[in-house]
C-alpha atoms as a PDB file:
ATOM      1  CA  MET A   1     118.497 144.261  85.383  1.00  0.00           C
ATOM      2  CA  ALA A   2     118.436 140.932  83.554  1.00  0.00           C
ATOM      3  CA  VAL A   3     116.047 138.631  85.796  1.00  0.00           C
ATOM      4  CA  ARG A   4     117.009 134.998  85.289  1.00  0.00           C
ATOM      5  CA  SER A   5     116.611 133.330  88.479  1.00  0.00           C
ATOM      6  CA  LEU A   6     114.511 133.521  91.685  1.00  0.00           C
ATOM      7  CA  ASP A   7     117.229 135.449  93.565  1.00  0.00           C
ATOM      8  CA  ASP A   8     116.916 137.956  90.814  1.00  0.00           C
ATOM      9  CA  VAL A   9     113.270 138.241  91.349  1.00  0.00           C
ATOM     10  CA  ILE A  10     113.528 138.877  94.882  1.00  0.00           C
ATOM     11  CA  ASP A  11     116.273 141.484  94.544  1.00  0.00           C
ATOM     12  CA  PHE A  12     114.375 143.259  91.759  1.00  0.00           C
ATOM     13  CA  HIS A  13     111.280 143.269  94.373  1.00  0.00           C
ATOM     14  CA  ASN A  14     113.591 144.748  96.939  1.00  0.00           C
ATOM     15  CA  GLN A  15     114.853 147.523  94.598  1.00  0.00           C
ATOM     16  CA  ASN A  16     111.439 148.462  93.584  1.00  0.00           C
ATOM     17  CA  GLU A  17     109.295 147.848  96.667  1.00  0.00           C
ATOM     18  CA  GLU A  18     106.695 150.570  96.180  1.00  0.00           C
ATOM     19  CA  GLU A  19     105.792 149.172  92.535  1.00  0.00           C
ATOM     20  CA  THR A  20     106.354 145.564  92.922  1.00  0.00           C
ATOM     21  CA  LEU A  21     105.777 144.587  96.861  1.00  0.00           C
ATOM     22  CA  LYS A  22     102.063 145.445  96.913  1.00  0.00           C
ATOM     23  CA  TYR A  23     101.288 141.958  98.129  1.00  0.00           C
ATOM     24  CA  GLY A  24     104.726 141.133  99.516  1.00  0.00           C
ATOM     25  CA  GLN A  25     106.899 138.392  98.360  1.00  0.00           C
ATOM     26  CA  LYS A  26     106.352 135.438 101.161  1.00  0.00           C
ATOM     27  CA  TRP A  27     105.960 132.767  98.722  1.00  0.00           C
ATOM     28  CA  PHE A  28     109.273 133.715  96.773  1.00  0.00           C
ATOM     29  CA  LEU A  29     110.952 133.850 100.270  1.00  0.00           C
ATOM     30  CA  GLU A  30     109.583 130.174 100.872  1.00  0.00           C
ATOM     31  CA  ALA A  31     110.677 128.895  97.749  1.00  0.00           C
ATOM     32  CA  GLN A  32     113.890 130.090  98.029  1.00  0.00           C
ATOM     33  CA  LYS A  33     114.472 127.921 101.068  1.00  0.00           C
ATOM     34  CA  THR A  34     113.890 124.969  98.941  1.00  0.00           C
ATOM     35  CA  SER A  35     116.177 123.042  96.395  1.00  0.00           C
ATOM     36  CA  GLY A  36     113.729 123.927  93.591  1.00  0.00           C
ATOM     37  CA  LEU A  37     114.251 120.418  92.117  1.00  0.00           C
ATOM     38  CA  LEU A  38     111.199 118.603  91.191  1.00  0.00           C
ATOM     39  CA  THR A  39     112.440 115.405  92.415  1.00  0.00           C
ATOM     40  CA  ASP A  40     113.038 117.035  95.981  1.00  0.00           C
ATOM     41  CA  PRO A  41     111.492 114.220  98.053  1.00  0.00           C
ATOM     42  CA  ASP A  42     109.555 117.299 100.280  1.00  0.00           C
ATOM     43  CA  TYR A  43     108.076 118.428  97.030  1.00  0.00           C
ATOM     44  CA  LEU A  44     107.066 114.867  96.046  1.00  0.00           C
ATOM     45  CA  LYS A  45     105.395 114.181  99.287  1.00  0.00           C
ATOM     46  CA  GLU A  46     103.337 117.426  98.985  1.00  0.00           C
ATOM     47  CA  LEU A  47     102.428 116.694  95.417  1.00  0.00           C
ATOM     48  CA  LEU A  48     101.060 113.276  96.299  1.00  0.00           C
ATOM     49  CA  ASP A  49      99.234 114.731  99.312  1.00  0.00           C
ATOM     50  CA  ASP A  50      97.623 117.534  97.168  1.00  0.00           C
ATOM     51  CA  GLN A  51      96.584 114.936  94.519  1.00  0.00           C
ATOM     52  CA  ARG A  52      95.106 112.464  96.934  1.00  0.00           C
ATOM     53  CA  LEU A  53      93.219 115.213  98.894  1.00  0.00           C
ATOM     54  CA  SER A  54      92.092 117.066  95.663  1.00  0.00           C
ATOM     55  CA  LYS A  55      91.093 113.905  93.677  1.00  0.00           C
ATOM     56  CA  GLU A  56      90.287 110.767  95.507  1.00  0.00           C
ATOM     57  CA  GLU A  57      89.086 112.589  98.987  1.00  0.00           C
ATOM     58  CA  GLY A  58      87.892 115.826  97.210  1.00  0.00           C
ATOM     59  CA  ILE A  59      86.530 116.133  93.935  1.00  0.00           C
ATOM     60  CA  ASP A  60      85.897 112.288  93.289  1.00  0.00           C
ATOM     61  CA  TYR A  61      84.661 111.719  96.614  1.00  0.00           C
ATOM     62  CA  THR A  62      81.929 114.849  96.465  1.00  0.00           C
ATOM     63  CA  LEU A  63      80.789 113.742  93.063  1.00  0.00           C
ATOM     64  CA  ASP A  64      80.291 110.107  93.693  1.00  0.00           C
ATOM     65  CA  GLU A  65      78.788 110.628  97.229  1.00  0.00           C
ATOM     66  CA  HIS A  66      76.273 113.175  96.092  1.00  0.00           C
ATOM     67  CA  LYS A  67      75.842 111.674  92.662  1.00  0.00           C
ATOM     68  CA  LEU A  68      76.888 114.809  90.817  1.00  0.00           C
ATOM     69  CA  GLU A  69      78.503 115.749  87.494  1.00  0.00           C
ATOM     70  CA  ALA A  70      79.939 118.708  88.563  1.00  0.00           C
ATOM     71  CA  ILE A  71      80.666 120.919  91.584  1.00  0.00           C
ATOM     72  CA  VAL A  72      79.995 124.763  91.158  1.00  0.00           C
ATOM     73  CA  PHE A  73      82.237 127.623  92.690  1.00  0.00           C
ATOM     74  CA  PRO A  74      81.322 131.174  92.666  1.00  0.00           C
ATOM     75  CA  ASN A  75      83.770 133.127  90.327  1.00  0.00           C
ATOM     76  CA  ASN A  76      86.957 130.976  90.473  1.00  0.00           C
ATOM     77  CA  ILE A  77      87.265 130.750  94.076  1.00  0.00           C
ATOM     78  CA  GLY A  78      87.736 126.992  94.143  1.00  0.00           C
ATOM     79  CA  ALA A  79      90.059 126.840  91.014  1.00  0.00           C
ATOM     80  CA  GLY A  80      93.071 125.524  93.113  1.00  0.00           C
ATOM     81  CA  ILE A  81      91.408 122.320  93.915  1.00  0.00           C
ATOM     82  CA  PRO A  82      90.844 120.913  90.325  1.00  0.00           C
ATOM     83  CA  ALA A  83      94.126 122.650  89.363  1.00  0.00           C
ATOM     84  CA  LYS A  84      95.864 120.378  91.669  1.00  0.00           C
ATOM     85  CA  ALA A  85      94.084 117.306  90.662  1.00  0.00           C
ATOM     86  CA  GLY A  86      94.752 118.182  87.152  1.00  0.00           C
ATOM     87  CA  TYR A  87      90.801 118.177  86.495  1.00  0.00           C
ATOM     88  CA  PRO A  88      89.008 120.389  84.211  1.00  0.00           C
ATOM     89  CA  SER A  89      87.156 123.698  85.128  1.00  0.00           C
ATOM     90  CA  ILE A  90      85.103 126.162  82.879  1.00  0.00           C
ATOM     91  CA  THR A  91      84.030 129.787  83.978  1.00  0.00           C
ATOM     92  CA  VAL A  92      81.060 131.329  82.691  1.00  0.00           C
ATOM     93  CA  PRO A  93      80.469 134.951  83.054  1.00  0.00           C
ATOM     94  CA  VAL A  94      77.222 135.826  85.144  1.00  0.00           C
ATOM     95  CA  GLY A  95      77.237 139.678  85.458  1.00  0.00           C
ATOM     96  CA  LEU A  96      78.911 142.390  87.198  1.00  0.00           C
ATOM     97  CA  THR A  97      79.443 143.836  90.677  1.00  0.00           C
ATOM     98  CA  LYS A  98      78.173 147.033  91.948  1.00  0.00           C
ATOM     99  CA  LYS A  99      81.744 148.266  91.455  1.00  0.00           C
ATOM    100  CA  ASN A 100      81.253 146.894  87.618  1.00  0.00           C
ATOM    101  CA  GLU A 101      83.545 144.167  88.036  1.00  0.00           C
ATOM    102  CA  PRO A 102      83.024 140.832  86.537  1.00  0.00           C
ATOM    103  CA  VAL A 103      81.483 137.954  88.296  1.00  0.00           C
ATOM    104  CA  GLY A 104      81.424 134.495  87.163  1.00  0.00           C
ATOM    105  CA  ILE A 105      80.364 130.759  87.991  1.00  0.00           C
ATOM    106  CA  THR A 106      82.961 127.982  87.724  1.00  0.00           C
ATOM    107  CA  PHE A 107      81.873 124.042  86.915  1.00  0.00           C
ATOM    108  CA  THR A 108      84.521 121.819  87.899  1.00  0.00           C
ATOM    109  CA  GLY A 109      84.463 117.961  87.053  1.00  0.00           C
ATOM    110  CA  THR A 110      86.398 114.627  87.477  1.00  0.00           C
ATOM    111  CA  ALA A 111      88.928 113.629  84.640  1.00  0.00           C
ATOM    112  CA  PHE A 112      88.138 113.766  81.317  1.00  0.00           C
ATOM    113  CA  SER A 113      84.503 115.282  82.029  1.00  0.00           C
ATOM    114  CA  GLU A 114      85.154 118.326  79.491  1.00  0.00           C
ATOM    115  CA  PRO A 115      82.211 117.270  77.402  1.00  0.00           C
ATOM    116  CA  THR A 116      79.748 117.255  80.247  1.00  0.00           C
ATOM    117  CA  LEU A 117      81.240 120.549  81.718  1.00  0.00           C
ATOM    118  CA  ILE A 118      80.761 122.392  78.391  1.00  0.00           C
ATOM    119  CA  GLU A 119      77.270 121.074  77.897  1.00  0.00           C
ATOM    120  CA  ILE A 120      76.484 122.248  81.382  1.00  0.00           C
ATOM    121  CA  ALA A 121      78.056 125.644  81.068  1.00  0.00           C
ATOM    122  CA  TYR A 122      76.309 126.362  77.737  1.00  0.00           C
ATOM    123  CA  GLY A 123      73.069 125.283  79.386  1.00  0.00           C
ATOM    124  CA  TYR A 124      73.588 127.515  82.160  1.00  0.00           C
ATOM    125  CA  GLU A 125      74.817 130.442  80.024  1.00  0.00           C
ATOM    126  CA  GLN A 126      71.854 130.181  77.631  1.00  0.00           C
ATOM    127  CA  ALA A 127      69.372 130.092  80.488  1.00  0.00           C
ATOM    128  CA  SER A 128      71.078 132.737  82.430  1.00  0.00           C
ATOM    129  CA  GLN A 129      71.407 135.312  79.170  1.00  0.00           C
ATOM    130  CA  LYS A 130      67.830 134.597  78.243  1.00  0.00           C
ATOM    131  CA  GLU A 131      66.819 135.603  81.701  1.00  0.00           C
ATOM    132  CA  LEU A 132      69.008 138.841  81.429  1.00  0.00           C
ATOM    133  CA  ARG A 133      67.407 139.779  78.334  1.00  0.00           C
ATOM    134  CA  ARG A 134      64.027 139.511  80.023  1.00  0.00           C
ATOM    135  CA  ASN A 135      64.862 141.967  82.525  1.00  0.00           C
END
């Protein structure tokens, strides 16, 4: 079956529920209700709201208010916030869980803060790896 549209994806999932619908397809069904156009007024309003909340009232506010260079998230739990803002993030591995699953730490900054984030991530990685080697 050729999959060329959102309707095709939804149909494919419905025909292969056991393999493909482990987590459902709520977001596909919600997307199907929209025009799908990047010029849709509802989409543009949501986009502007997301950018304002993630930038000016989110990351920029937090960094400024607390005089920080970066915000730290466990793993990539907060990755959606900088993604909506179009801001950089960098994730560094920190170890494994008891189930042998990888764990990381994510550093996020404001626009064009990549050099600072790389410096912070590198410093953290060097310090944490040194500590791990000691143990």
